[in-house]
Amino acid sequence: MSTPAPEQTSPGWADWAGGHESGPYTLGVEEEAMLLDPRTWALAHRFDDLLPRLPRETEAHVTAETHGSAFEIHTGVQRSVAAAIEELAGFRSQLQSTLETLNLRAAVAGTHPFAIWQEIAVSGGERYQFVYGSMRELARREPTFALHVHVGVADPEVAIRVNDRMRVHLPLLLALSGNSPFWQGRDSGLASARTPLFQAFPRVGVPRAFGSYEVYAETVDLLIRTEAVPESTFLWWDVRPQPRLGTIEVRVMDAQTRCEDTAAIVALVQSLVKMEAEQGYASEAAVAAQEVISENRFIAARDGADAELVDVELERRVPVADLLADLLAICRPHAQDLGCEEELAAVTNLVEDPPARRQIRTARKSPSLGRLVEVLADEFAE
C-alpha cells in the first residue's frame, strides 16, 4: 500500500497575516526623503544626528535607508487615503522643526539633482552593511527616493492574483509619478532617472507572475534556504507581497515632492488593488506579457506622463492620458467605496502638470540646481 504524499506546507516566514481589524484594503504609506545642507543644498550624511532629536512618537515612524543622507517616513495602518496623508504631512512638519535645530533641511524627489556617487556614504546599520557587503560599491551609487504603498489583502491567494495583475499597471503608475529628471547635475532626458539608477541593484524590476501563493513562497524560500538573501524583504521588486503585514506593496513610483500628489497616487493604487481583487481588469494576455510590461516600464521612465504604452489587446501604443481615463472610469466606484474619490480625481493633475516637468521648469528659471533643491525643500512641509 502506497504512502500518501505529505501535505505541502509553507515556510514560517510565508504565513500570511490575514485581515486587519480596520477592515479590508487598509493603507500604509512609505516615502523616502533626502537630508540637505542648506549652505550648499548638497546631501548631508547626518541621519545619525537626526534620529535622537526626534520626538518619540515621530521617531517610531522614521528609519534609516541604505545611504546616510536618506531616510524613510512610514505611516501607521490607516483606513483612508485622507488619514494616511494627514499623518504623513504631520511627520513632515515635525521633521522640519527638528531639522532646523541641526541646521539641516529635507526634501522629497526621485533623485537629488546634482549628487555624485563619490560623495555617498552607506549607513552603518546591520541591514545596510549587509547590503554593502553583498553588492560592494554598487551600494554607493547615488541614493534614489521612492514612494511605497501597502494595501491590505486578507487572503494570500487573492493577494497573489492581485500582485500578478498589478504588474500590468506598474508602467502607468511610474509614468504618473516620474519626479527625477536630473542626474549628476544634468537633465537626464528621463522623467524618472531613479528607475535605471535603482536597476543597478539585484532583485529589482517587474517580478514574474506566480499564479499561486505556493509557487511564490517556494520561489522565495529557495533563495532564503540557500542564503542568497536573508529574508524576503531583500527582494526589491516593483510590486511584492508582504506576508508579515498581509499587504501588497507597490514600489515602482518616484517619491513625490508634494503631499497632494502622493495622495492622488495612493488613491489610485488603493482603488486598483480593490478593483483587481474584486472585479479584475488586467487580461490574462496582459498579465502573461512580461516583455511588454518591461518595455512599458522603460518607456514610462523615459517619457513620464507623455509616454505611449503598448496595449497588448489593441496591439498598438496608447497615450498615458487615454489609459488613465479608462482606468479612472473603472476605478471610480471602488474609490467611492473607499472614500478616496476626490483624491483619485486629482490624478489627472499629474498628467496636466507632471512632477518632472515642474522640476525642469524651475531649473530653467534658476541660477543653479542648488536653487531647484531649495524649492523642493520649501515644499517639504507646505
Protein backbone atom coordinates (compact mmCIF):
# COMPACT_ATOMS: atom_id res chain seq x y z
CA MET A 1 0.00 0.00 0.00
CA SER A 2 1.47 3.33 -1.06
CA THR A 3 2.07 6.07 1.48
CA PRO A 4 0.22 9.32 0.74
CA ALA A 5 2.41 12.27 -0.13
CA PRO A 6 2.91 14.70 2.75
CA GLU A 7 0.76 17.80 2.64
CA GLN A 8 2.59 20.84 1.24
CA THR A 9 3.21 23.48 3.89
CA SER A 10 4.59 26.99 3.53
CA PRO A 11 7.69 28.11 5.42
CA GLY A 12 7.11 30.13 8.57
CA TRP A 13 8.08 33.45 7.02
CA ALA A 14 5.31 32.99 4.44
CA ASP A 15 2.46 32.78 6.95
CA TRP A 16 0.00 35.40 5.72
CA ALA A 17 -1.04 37.98 8.31
CA GLY A 18 -4.67 37.95 7.20
CA GLY A 19 -7.24 40.69 7.63
CA HIS A 20 -6.83 43.81 9.72
CA GLU A 21 -9.25 44.94 12.42
CA SER A 22 -9.87 48.16 10.46
CA GLY A 23 -11.29 46.17 7.54
CA PRO A 24 -10.16 45.37 4.00
CA TYR A 25 -7.80 47.45 1.85
CA THR A 26 -6.12 49.28 4.71
CA LEU A 27 -3.22 51.55 3.78
CA GLY A 28 0.36 52.13 4.79
CA VAL A 29 2.46 54.76 3.03
CA GLU A 30 6.25 54.94 2.97
CA GLU A 31 8.22 57.74 1.38
CA GLU A 32 11.97 58.09 1.12
CA ALA A 33 13.40 61.57 1.63
CA MET A 34 16.79 63.31 1.49
CA LEU A 35 18.74 65.23 4.13
CA LEU A 36 20.24 68.50 2.91
CA ASP A 37 22.88 71.01 3.92
CA PRO A 38 21.20 74.40 3.33
CA ARG A 39 24.56 76.12 2.84
CA THR A 40 25.21 74.21 -0.38
CA TRP A 41 21.97 72.22 -0.90
CA ALA A 42 24.08 69.10 -1.24
CA LEU A 43 23.19 65.86 0.50
CA ALA A 44 24.03 65.78 4.22
CA HIS A 45 25.12 62.41 5.62
CA ARG A 46 23.74 63.09 9.09
CA PHE A 47 20.85 60.74 9.73
CA ASP A 48 22.52 59.59 12.95
CA ASP A 49 22.33 63.18 14.22
CA LEU A 50 18.64 63.47 13.35
CA LEU A 51 17.15 60.38 14.98
CA PRO A 52 17.98 61.18 18.64
CA ARG A 53 16.42 64.64 18.30
CA LEU A 54 13.02 63.45 17.12
CA PRO A 55 10.02 63.22 19.47
CA ARG A 56 9.34 59.60 20.39
CA GLU A 57 6.03 59.48 18.50
CA THR A 58 7.78 60.62 15.30
CA GLU A 59 10.96 58.61 15.81
CA ALA A 60 8.97 55.38 15.59
CA HIS A 61 7.95 56.34 12.04
CA VAL A 62 11.36 57.45 10.69
CA THR A 63 14.01 54.89 9.76
CA ALA A 64 17.44 54.81 8.13
CA GLU A 65 17.95 53.94 4.50
CA THR A 66 20.95 52.44 2.70
CA HIS A 67 22.60 55.85 2.44
CA GLY A 68 23.40 58.13 5.37
CA SER A 69 21.76 61.08 3.64
CA ALA A 70 18.41 59.33 3.19
CA PHE A 71 15.59 58.31 5.50
CA GLU A 72 12.15 56.81 5.26
CA ILE A 73 8.90 58.11 6.73
CA HIS A 74 6.21 55.47 7.20
CA THR A 75 2.66 55.92 8.38
CA GLY A 76 0.75 53.58 10.62
CA VAL A 77 -2.07 51.41 9.28
CA GLN A 78 -4.83 53.72 8.05
CA ARG A 79 -8.29 53.08 6.68
CA SER A 80 -8.41 56.03 4.28
CA VAL A 81 -6.13 57.98 1.98
CA ALA A 82 -7.03 61.20 3.79
CA ALA A 83 -5.93 59.78 7.15
CA ALA A 84 -2.67 58.41 5.73
CA ILE A 85 -1.75 61.70 4.08
CA GLU A 86 -2.67 63.71 7.16
CA GLU A 87 -0.33 61.53 9.20
CA LEU A 88 2.44 61.79 6.59
CA ALA A 89 2.14 65.58 6.46
CA GLY A 90 2.29 65.73 10.25
CA PHE A 91 5.54 63.76 10.27
CA ARG A 92 6.99 66.06 7.62
CA SER A 93 6.14 69.10 9.72
CA GLN A 94 7.70 67.62 12.85
CA LEU A 95 10.81 66.60 10.92
CA GLN A 96 11.22 70.09 9.54
CA SER A 97 11.05 71.59 13.04
CA THR A 98 13.64 69.13 14.32
CA LEU A 99 15.94 69.61 11.35
CA GLU A 100 16.03 73.37 11.94
CA THR A 101 17.75 72.71 15.28
CA LEU A 102 20.50 70.87 13.38
CA ASN A 103 20.80 73.44 10.59
CA LEU A 104 19.53 70.85 8.14
CA ARG A 105 16.66 70.65 5.66
CA ALA A 106 14.80 67.84 3.92
CA ALA A 107 13.19 67.38 0.53
CA VAL A 108 11.46 64.70 -1.50
CA ALA A 109 12.10 63.84 -5.16
CA GLY A 110 13.13 60.71 -7.03
CA THR A 111 16.79 61.76 -7.08
CA HIS A 112 18.94 64.56 -5.71
CA PRO A 113 19.59 66.72 -8.80
CA PHE A 114 23.37 67.00 -8.53
CA ALA A 115 24.64 64.27 -6.16
CA ILE A 116 27.58 62.18 -7.38
CA TRP A 117 28.41 58.69 -6.19
CA GLN A 118 31.93 59.51 -4.97
CA GLU A 119 30.41 61.60 -2.17
CA ILE A 120 27.95 58.93 -0.97
CA ALA A 121 28.23 57.20 2.42
CA VAL A 122 26.49 53.93 3.32
CA SER A 123 24.52 53.80 6.58
CA GLY A 124 26.11 51.94 9.49
CA GLY A 125 23.14 49.74 10.41
CA GLU A 126 23.47 45.96 10.18
CA ARG A 127 20.98 45.65 7.32
CA TYR A 128 22.72 48.29 5.23
CA GLN A 129 26.20 46.95 5.91
CA PHE A 130 24.87 43.59 4.67
CA VAL A 131 23.66 45.35 1.52
CA TYR A 132 27.12 46.87 1.05
CA GLY A 133 28.81 43.53 1.72
CA SER A 134 26.68 41.74 -0.86
CA MET A 135 26.76 44.43 -3.56
CA ARG A 136 30.14 46.09 -2.89
CA GLU A 137 30.48 49.53 -4.47
CA LEU A 138 27.09 49.25 -6.20
CA ALA A 139 25.63 50.20 -2.82
CA ARG A 140 27.40 53.56 -3.04
CA ARG A 141 25.65 54.73 -6.17
CA GLU A 142 23.65 57.92 -5.81
CA PRO A 143 20.66 57.46 -3.49
CA THR A 144 17.22 57.20 -5.01
CA PHE A 145 13.92 58.02 -3.34
CA ALA A 146 10.73 56.06 -3.90
CA LEU A 147 7.12 56.02 -2.77
CA HIS A 148 5.84 52.66 -1.47
CA VAL A 149 2.15 51.96 -0.89
CA HIS A 150 0.88 48.98 1.12
CA VAL A 151 -2.71 47.83 0.64
CA GLY A 152 -4.16 45.15 2.89
CA VAL A 153 -5.48 41.95 1.27
CA ALA A 154 -6.84 39.33 3.67
CA ASP A 155 -6.32 36.13 1.66
CA PRO A 156 -2.91 35.09 0.28
CA GLU A 157 -4.31 33.54 -2.91
CA VAL A 158 -6.24 36.74 -3.65
CA ALA A 159 -3.09 38.68 -2.84
CA ILE A 160 -1.06 36.74 -5.41
CA ARG A 161 -3.78 37.20 -8.01
CA VAL A 162 -3.72 40.95 -7.33
CA ASN A 163 0.08 41.00 -7.32
CA ASP A 164 0.18 39.33 -10.74
CA ARG A 165 -2.38 41.75 -12.19
CA MET A 166 -0.86 44.88 -10.64
CA ARG A 167 2.27 44.21 -12.71
CA VAL A 168 0.30 45.38 -15.75
CA HIS A 169 -0.40 48.75 -14.09
CA LEU A 170 3.18 49.41 -12.93
CA PRO A 171 4.26 51.36 -16.04
CA LEU A 172 1.28 53.71 -15.78
CA LEU A 173 1.98 54.34 -12.09
CA LEU A 174 5.63 55.05 -12.92
CA ALA A 175 4.68 57.38 -15.77
CA LEU A 176 2.38 59.40 -13.49
CA SER A 177 4.92 59.61 -10.67
CA GLY A 178 8.10 60.43 -12.63
CA ASN A 179 9.87 63.01 -10.44
CA SER A 180 13.60 62.63 -11.12
CA PRO A 181 14.65 64.28 -14.38
CA PHE A 182 18.12 65.31 -13.12
CA TRP A 183 21.12 63.06 -12.57
CA GLN A 184 24.63 64.16 -11.55
CA GLY A 185 23.88 67.79 -12.30
CA ARG A 186 22.35 67.49 -15.75
CA ASP A 187 19.00 66.88 -17.38
CA SER A 188 18.92 63.11 -17.97
CA GLY A 189 16.18 63.32 -20.63
CA LEU A 190 14.20 60.90 -18.46
CA ALA A 191 11.13 61.57 -16.35
CA SER A 192 12.42 59.04 -13.81
CA ALA A 193 16.20 58.73 -13.74
CA ARG A 194 15.64 56.95 -10.42
CA THR A 195 14.36 53.88 -12.27
CA PRO A 196 17.54 52.95 -14.20
CA LEU A 197 19.72 54.02 -11.26
CA PHE A 198 17.92 51.65 -8.90
CA GLN A 199 18.10 48.97 -11.58
CA ALA A 200 21.80 48.57 -10.70
CA PHE A 201 20.65 46.67 -7.61
CA PRO A 202 19.84 42.95 -7.96
CA ARG A 203 16.35 41.53 -7.42
CA VAL A 204 14.57 44.63 -8.72
CA GLY A 205 12.11 45.38 -11.52
CA VAL A 206 8.97 43.54 -12.52
CA PRO A 207 8.58 40.08 -10.95
CA ARG A 208 7.13 37.22 -12.94
CA ALA A 209 3.52 36.18 -12.50
CA PHE A 210 3.43 33.45 -9.86
CA GLY A 211 -0.10 32.13 -10.32
CA SER A 212 -0.43 30.79 -6.77
CA TYR A 213 0.82 31.61 -3.31
CA GLU A 214 2.50 28.22 -3.05
CA VAL A 215 4.64 28.94 -6.12
CA TYR A 216 5.57 32.36 -4.76
CA ALA A 217 6.51 31.00 -1.33
CA GLU A 218 8.64 28.18 -2.75
CA THR A 219 10.38 30.54 -5.20
CA VAL A 220 11.40 32.96 -2.47
CA ASP A 221 12.15 30.26 0.10
CA LEU A 222 14.72 28.68 -2.21
CA LEU A 223 16.67 31.96 -2.14
CA ILE A 224 16.40 32.10 1.66
CA ARG A 225 17.34 28.43 2.19
CA THR A 226 20.42 28.79 0.01
CA GLU A 227 21.38 32.01 1.85
CA ALA A 228 21.28 34.10 -1.32
CA VAL A 229 19.11 36.54 0.66
CA PRO A 230 18.49 36.66 4.43
CA GLU A 231 14.75 37.22 4.14
CA SER A 232 12.01 38.16 1.70
CA THR A 233 12.25 41.95 2.04
CA PHE A 234 15.60 41.83 0.22
CA LEU A 235 13.59 41.24 -2.95
CA TRP A 236 13.11 44.83 -4.10
CA TRP A 237 10.57 44.17 -6.83
CA ASP A 238 8.29 46.92 -8.17
CA VAL A 239 5.36 45.10 -6.54
CA ARG A 240 5.63 42.37 -3.94
CA PRO A 241 3.54 40.51 -1.39
CA GLN A 242 4.36 41.27 2.25
CA PRO A 243 3.23 38.16 4.18
CA ARG A 244 4.16 39.56 7.61
CA LEU A 245 1.89 42.56 7.04
CA GLY A 246 -0.78 40.91 4.89
CA THR A 247 -0.33 43.53 2.18
CA ILE A 248 0.53 44.06 -1.44
CA GLU A 249 3.31 46.63 -1.59
CA VAL A 250 3.57 48.73 -4.77
CA ARG A 251 7.07 50.22 -5.01
CA VAL A 252 7.51 51.42 -8.60
CA MET A 253 6.73 55.11 -8.02
CA ASP A 254 9.13 58.02 -7.58
CA ALA A 255 8.70 59.83 -4.27
CA GLN A 256 6.53 62.93 -4.61
CA THR A 257 7.58 66.44 -3.59
CA ARG A 258 4.04 67.47 -2.62
CA CYS A 259 1.75 65.53 -0.30
CA GLU A 260 -1.24 66.25 -2.56
CA ASP A 261 0.44 64.34 -5.39
CA THR A 262 1.23 61.49 -3.03
CA ALA A 263 -2.45 61.41 -2.07
CA ALA A 264 -3.53 61.09 -5.70
CA ILE A 265 -1.15 58.19 -6.38
CA VAL A 266 -2.06 56.41 -3.14
CA ALA A 267 -5.74 56.69 -4.04
CA LEU A 268 -5.08 55.19 -7.47
CA VAL A 269 -3.08 52.31 -6.00
CA GLN A 270 -5.70 51.54 -3.34
CA SER A 271 -8.50 51.66 -5.91
CA LEU A 272 -6.59 49.45 -8.36
CA VAL A 273 -5.92 46.81 -5.71
CA LYS A 274 -9.59 46.70 -4.70
CA MET A 275 -10.70 46.61 -8.33
CA GLU A 276 -8.30 43.79 -9.26
CA ALA A 277 -9.22 41.82 -6.14
CA GLU A 278 -12.99 42.05 -6.59
CA GLN A 279 -13.59 42.66 -10.26
CA GLY A 280 -10.46 42.04 -12.28
CA TYR A 281 -9.38 44.22 -15.17
CA ALA A 282 -5.95 43.15 -16.43
CA SER A 283 -6.43 40.42 -19.03
CA GLU A 284 -4.62 37.09 -18.95
CA ALA A 285 -2.76 38.10 -22.11
CA ALA A 286 -1.55 41.33 -20.50
CA VAL A 287 -0.52 39.54 -17.29
CA ALA A 288 1.48 36.99 -19.31
CA ALA A 289 3.23 39.61 -21.47
CA GLN A 290 6.36 40.05 -19.32
CA GLU A 291 8.34 41.60 -22.18
CA VAL A 292 5.61 44.16 -22.87
CA ILE A 293 5.37 45.13 -19.20
CA SER A 294 9.15 45.57 -19.04
CA GLU A 295 9.24 47.64 -22.23
CA ASN A 296 6.36 49.80 -21.00
CA ARG A 297 8.28 50.32 -17.77
CA PHE A 298 11.24 51.71 -19.70
CA ILE A 299 9.02 53.93 -21.87
CA ALA A 300 7.30 55.24 -18.73
CA ALA A 301 10.62 56.04 -17.04
CA ARG A 302 11.80 57.83 -20.15
CA ASP A 303 8.70 59.78 -21.18
CA GLY A 304 6.65 60.07 -17.99
CA ALA A 305 3.13 61.37 -18.48
CA ASP A 306 3.88 61.91 -22.18
CA ALA A 307 4.50 58.18 -22.69
CA GLU A 308 2.60 55.99 -25.11
CA LEU A 309 2.44 52.47 -23.68
CA VAL A 310 1.94 49.22 -25.56
CA ASP A 311 -1.60 47.81 -25.25
CA VAL A 312 -1.46 44.02 -25.67
CA GLU A 313 -5.12 43.71 -26.65
CA LEU A 314 -5.12 46.55 -29.19
CA GLU A 315 -1.59 45.76 -30.44
CA ARG A 316 -0.68 49.44 -30.53
CA ARG A 317 0.67 52.12 -28.24
CA VAL A 318 -1.80 54.27 -26.31
CA PRO A 319 -1.12 57.65 -24.61
CA VAL A 320 -0.96 57.62 -20.81
CA ALA A 321 -3.80 60.16 -20.65
CA ASP A 322 -6.12 57.77 -22.53
CA LEU A 323 -5.10 54.74 -20.46
CA LEU A 324 -5.67 56.73 -17.29
CA ALA A 325 -9.11 57.92 -18.39
CA ASP A 326 -10.22 54.33 -18.94
CA LEU A 327 -8.82 53.18 -15.60
CA LEU A 328 -10.38 56.06 -13.69
CA ALA A 329 -13.81 55.15 -15.08
CA ILE A 330 -13.37 51.56 -13.86
CA CYS A 331 -11.87 52.58 -10.51
CA ARG A 332 -14.32 55.35 -9.60
CA PRO A 333 -16.97 53.12 -7.96
CA HIS A 334 -14.23 51.42 -5.93
CA ALA A 335 -12.85 54.81 -4.89
CA GLN A 336 -16.34 55.81 -3.75
CA ASP A 337 -16.48 52.71 -1.55
CA LEU A 338 -13.04 53.52 -0.14
CA GLY A 339 -13.79 57.22 0.43
CA CYS A 340 -10.99 58.47 -1.84
CA GLU A 341 -12.93 59.64 -4.89
CA GLU A 342 -11.68 63.24 -4.52
CA GLU A 343 -8.03 62.18 -4.23
CA LEU A 344 -8.41 59.79 -7.16
CA ALA A 345 -9.80 62.57 -9.38
CA ALA A 346 -6.66 64.61 -8.68
CA VAL A 347 -4.53 62.02 -10.52
CA THR A 348 -5.30 63.90 -13.74
CA ASN A 349 -3.20 66.81 -12.40
CA LEU A 350 -0.15 64.57 -12.74
CA VAL A 351 -0.81 64.33 -16.48
CA GLU A 352 -1.56 68.02 -16.94
CA ASP A 353 1.47 69.21 -14.91
CA PRO A 354 3.83 66.26 -14.31
CA PRO A 355 6.31 66.49 -11.42
CA ALA A 356 9.38 66.02 -13.66
CA ARG A 357 8.22 68.84 -15.90
CA ARG A 358 7.82 71.09 -12.84
CA GLN A 359 11.43 70.41 -11.82
CA ILE A 360 12.74 71.24 -15.29
CA ARG A 361 10.66 74.42 -15.42
CA THR A 362 12.01 75.53 -12.04
CA ALA A 363 15.59 74.71 -13.01
CA ARG A 364 15.36 76.76 -16.20
CA LYS A 365 14.33 79.81 -14.19
CA SER A 366 17.03 79.26 -11.55
CA PRO A 367 20.70 80.32 -11.47
CA SER A 368 21.76 76.81 -10.37
CA LEU A 369 20.44 73.40 -9.45
CA GLY A 370 21.02 74.40 -5.86
CA ARG A 371 18.10 76.77 -6.21
CA LEU A 372 15.94 73.89 -7.51
CA VAL A 373 16.82 71.83 -4.42
CA GLU A 374 15.91 74.80 -2.23
CA VAL A 375 12.49 74.98 -3.90
CA LEU A 376 12.00 71.24 -3.32
CA ALA A 377 12.93 71.75 0.34
CA ASP A 378 10.48 74.65 0.67
CA GLU A 379 7.67 72.33 -0.40
CA PHE A 380 8.57 69.61 2.12
CA ALA A 381 6.19 70.74 4.86
CA GLU A 382 3.78 73.01 2.98
